[in-house]
């Protein structure tokens, strides 16, 4: 039986690997090492689709409402903090996407903006993932029954198809494997 919090923790591992790639891309562009435009667009696509639309979508559409239904408050509690951080992450992603095209055109200011946004996003998400893994998901595992966890996991599968489309998950993981091999291999 699938456990919803285990699914989300597994997705965190993929997100952390891509944050490692983003950190390495930032180091390279700061040193003036050329980075292919596809790396920037690939990172933005992965973070937008996988981290935000899919992963955060599962949390916002299913997990958080389930926790609220069990009495965990949205305002002033861990769910509210996670939602604020999701929005902060979206602002960083928007900046990364906006400057990716300018980097390709050789804009030096865009490189500084990419690095600032990518580092801010990386720092935010690393701390966010720690809070979810070690606080929120532990709370969820205490208050959600095995059946509720399994039902959430089934809902997560539907969200992947509905929010990203069939085959997108696999395509993004293949892109992740390529970028990890190129920048961290």
Protein backbone atom coordinates (compact mmCIF):
# COMPACT_ATOMS: atom_id res chain seq x y z
CA UNK A 1 0.00 0.00 0.00
CA UNK A 2 1.36 3.40 -1.00
CA UNK A 3 1.92 5.92 1.76
CA UNK A 4 1.33 9.52 0.70
CA UNK A 5 4.08 11.00 2.85
CA UNK A 6 6.57 8.47 1.46
CA UNK A 7 5.66 9.52 -2.08
CA UNK A 8 6.28 13.17 -1.17
CA UNK A 9 9.58 12.40 0.57
CA UNK A 10 10.74 10.49 -2.53
CA UNK A 11 9.87 13.51 -4.68
CA UNK A 12 11.88 15.69 -2.30
CA UNK A 13 14.96 13.61 -3.16
CA UNK A 14 14.53 14.44 -6.86
CA UNK A 15 14.00 18.12 -6.09
CA UNK A 16 17.14 18.19 -3.93
CA UNK A 17 19.18 16.65 -6.78
CA UNK A 18 17.99 19.36 -9.13
CA UNK A 19 18.79 22.02 -6.54
CA UNK A 20 22.32 20.58 -6.54
CA UNK A 21 22.36 21.04 -10.33
CA UNK A 22 21.07 24.63 -10.01
CA UNK A 23 23.78 25.36 -7.43
CA UNK A 24 26.45 23.98 -9.77
CA UNK A 25 25.08 25.95 -12.73
CA UNK A 26 25.24 29.09 -10.56
CA UNK A 27 28.87 28.38 -9.62
CA UNK A 28 29.82 27.83 -13.25
CA UNK A 29 28.19 30.96 -14.62
CA UNK A 30 29.77 33.01 -11.84
CA UNK A 31 33.18 31.72 -12.94
CA UNK A 32 32.37 32.57 -16.54
CA UNK A 33 32.10 28.92 -17.63
CA UNK A 34 29.66 28.63 -20.53
CA UNK A 35 26.45 26.76 -19.73
CA UNK A 36 24.15 25.59 -22.49
CA UNK A 37 20.81 27.43 -22.65
CA UNK A 38 19.03 24.09 -22.31
CA UNK A 39 20.36 23.78 -18.76
CA UNK A 40 18.60 26.97 -17.69
CA UNK A 41 15.37 26.12 -19.47
CA UNK A 42 15.51 22.53 -18.19
CA UNK A 43 15.90 23.65 -14.59
CA UNK A 44 13.06 26.15 -14.89
CA UNK A 45 10.82 23.54 -16.51
CA UNK A 46 11.62 20.94 -13.86
CA UNK A 47 11.00 23.31 -10.97
CA UNK A 48 7.80 24.70 -12.50
CA UNK A 49 6.26 21.39 -13.51
CA UNK A 50 7.65 18.82 -11.10
CA UNK A 51 8.39 20.78 -7.93
CA UNK A 52 5.54 23.28 -8.14
CA UNK A 53 2.71 22.00 -10.30
CA UNK A 54 3.04 18.32 -9.40
CA UNK A 55 4.63 18.12 -5.95
CA UNK A 56 3.24 21.30 -4.42
CA UNK A 57 -0.03 20.61 -6.22
CA UNK A 58 -0.33 17.29 -4.38
CA UNK A 59 0.28 19.03 -1.09
CA UNK A 60 -2.01 22.01 -1.72
CA UNK A 61 -4.87 20.11 -3.36
CA UNK A 62 -4.91 16.97 -1.22
CA UNK A 63 -2.54 16.71 1.74
CA UNK A 64 -3.05 20.13 3.29
CA UNK A 65 -6.88 19.97 3.09
CA UNK A 66 -6.76 16.47 4.61
CA UNK A 67 -4.65 17.77 7.48
CA UNK A 68 -6.98 20.74 7.95
CA UNK A 69 -9.89 18.30 8.05
CA UNK A 70 -8.14 16.56 10.94
CA UNK A 71 -7.90 19.81 12.87
CA UNK A 72 -4.50 21.14 11.82
CA UNK A 73 -5.04 24.88 11.30
CA UNK A 74 -4.07 26.61 8.07
CA UNK A 75 -3.42 29.97 9.70
CA UNK A 76 -0.67 30.15 12.29
CA UNK A 77 0.38 26.54 11.81
CA UNK A 78 2.76 24.51 9.69
CA UNK A 79 0.34 24.32 6.73
CA UNK A 80 0.21 28.10 6.53
CA UNK A 81 4.00 28.34 6.67
CA UNK A 82 4.33 25.79 3.85
CA UNK A 83 1.86 27.71 1.68
CA UNK A 84 3.75 30.97 2.21
CA UNK A 85 7.00 29.25 1.25
CA UNK A 86 5.38 27.74 -1.87
CA UNK A 87 4.50 31.29 -2.96
CA UNK A 88 8.02 32.52 -2.19
CA UNK A 89 9.41 29.69 -4.32
CA UNK A 90 7.13 30.68 -7.20
CA UNK A 91 8.54 34.22 -7.08
CA UNK A 92 12.09 32.87 -7.36
CA UNK A 93 11.07 30.59 -10.25
CA UNK A 94 9.44 33.51 -12.05
CA UNK A 95 12.70 35.47 -11.80
CA UNK A 96 14.78 32.49 -12.97
CA UNK A 97 12.52 32.04 -16.00
CA UNK A 98 12.59 35.75 -16.81
CA UNK A 99 16.37 35.98 -16.85
CA UNK A 100 17.14 32.63 -18.52
CA UNK A 101 16.53 34.08 -21.99
CA UNK A 102 18.68 37.14 -21.28
CA UNK A 103 21.57 34.90 -20.19
CA UNK A 104 21.49 33.14 -23.54
CA UNK A 105 21.87 36.57 -25.19
CA UNK A 106 24.98 37.27 -23.10
CA UNK A 107 23.51 39.72 -20.63
CA UNK A 108 25.96 39.85 -17.67
CA UNK A 109 23.37 41.41 -15.36
CA UNK A 110 21.07 38.48 -16.10
CA UNK A 111 23.76 36.10 -14.85
CA UNK A 112 23.85 37.89 -11.50
CA UNK A 113 20.06 37.83 -11.34
CA UNK A 114 19.97 34.09 -12.19
CA UNK A 115 22.50 33.30 -9.48
CA UNK A 116 20.63 35.37 -6.88
CA UNK A 117 17.27 33.80 -7.75
CA UNK A 118 18.64 30.25 -8.02
CA UNK A 119 20.48 30.54 -4.70
CA UNK A 120 17.46 32.05 -2.98
CA UNK A 121 15.26 29.28 -4.37
CA UNK A 122 17.73 26.59 -3.37
CA UNK A 123 18.10 27.91 0.17
CA UNK A 124 14.34 28.29 0.57
CA UNK A 125 13.48 24.83 -0.76
CA UNK A 126 16.20 23.04 1.22
CA UNK A 127 14.87 24.51 4.48
CA UNK A 128 11.28 23.93 3.34
CA UNK A 129 11.94 20.26 2.59
CA UNK A 130 13.56 19.79 6.00
CA UNK A 131 10.46 21.24 7.69
CA UNK A 132 8.11 19.09 5.67
CA UNK A 133 10.09 15.86 6.11
CA UNK A 134 10.80 16.31 9.81
CA UNK A 135 7.76 18.20 11.11
CA UNK A 136 4.73 18.31 8.81
CA UNK A 137 4.96 14.77 7.42
CA UNK A 138 5.62 13.35 10.89
CA UNK A 139 2.46 15.10 12.08
CA UNK A 140 0.57 13.75 9.04
CA UNK A 141 1.74 10.22 9.78
CA UNK A 142 0.37 10.55 13.31
CA UNK A 143 -3.05 11.94 12.41
CA UNK A 144 -3.86 10.22 9.09
CA UNK A 145 -4.93 6.58 9.06
CA UNK A 146 -3.35 4.02 6.73
CA UNK A 147 -6.48 4.15 4.57
CA UNK A 148 -6.35 7.94 4.40
CA UNK A 149 -2.66 7.82 3.42
CA UNK A 150 -3.46 5.26 0.69
CA UNK A 151 -6.35 7.35 -0.62
CA UNK A 152 -4.10 10.42 -0.78
CA UNK A 153 -1.46 8.42 -2.67
CA UNK A 154 -4.09 7.37 -5.23
CA UNK A 155 -5.11 11.02 -5.54
CA UNK A 156 -1.47 11.95 -6.11
CA UNK A 157 -1.38 9.69 -9.17
CA UNK A 158 -4.41 11.48 -10.61
CA UNK A 159 -2.80 14.87 -9.99
CA UNK A 160 0.29 13.88 -11.97
CA UNK A 161 -1.83 13.12 -15.02
CA UNK A 162 -4.24 16.04 -14.58
CA UNK A 163 -1.63 18.73 -13.85
CA UNK A 164 1.29 17.58 -15.98
CA UNK A 165 -0.13 15.20 -18.58
CA UNK A 166 0.69 11.59 -19.33
CA UNK A 167 4.40 10.91 -19.79
CA UNK A 168 5.58 14.27 -18.41
CA UNK A 169 6.78 12.77 -15.14
CA UNK A 170 8.99 10.29 -17.01
CA UNK A 171 10.27 12.97 -19.41
CA UNK A 172 11.22 15.25 -16.51
CA UNK A 173 13.05 12.43 -14.73
CA UNK A 174 14.98 11.66 -17.92
CA UNK A 175 15.92 15.34 -18.21
CA UNK A 176 16.93 15.33 -14.53
CA UNK A 177 19.17 12.29 -15.10
CA UNK A 178 20.82 14.06 -18.06
CA UNK A 179 21.42 17.32 -16.13
CA UNK A 180 22.69 15.45 -13.05
CA UNK A 181 25.14 13.49 -15.22
CA UNK A 182 26.31 16.66 -16.98
CA UNK A 183 26.72 18.89 -13.94
CA UNK A 184 27.29 16.51 -11.02
CA UNK A 185 28.55 13.35 -12.71
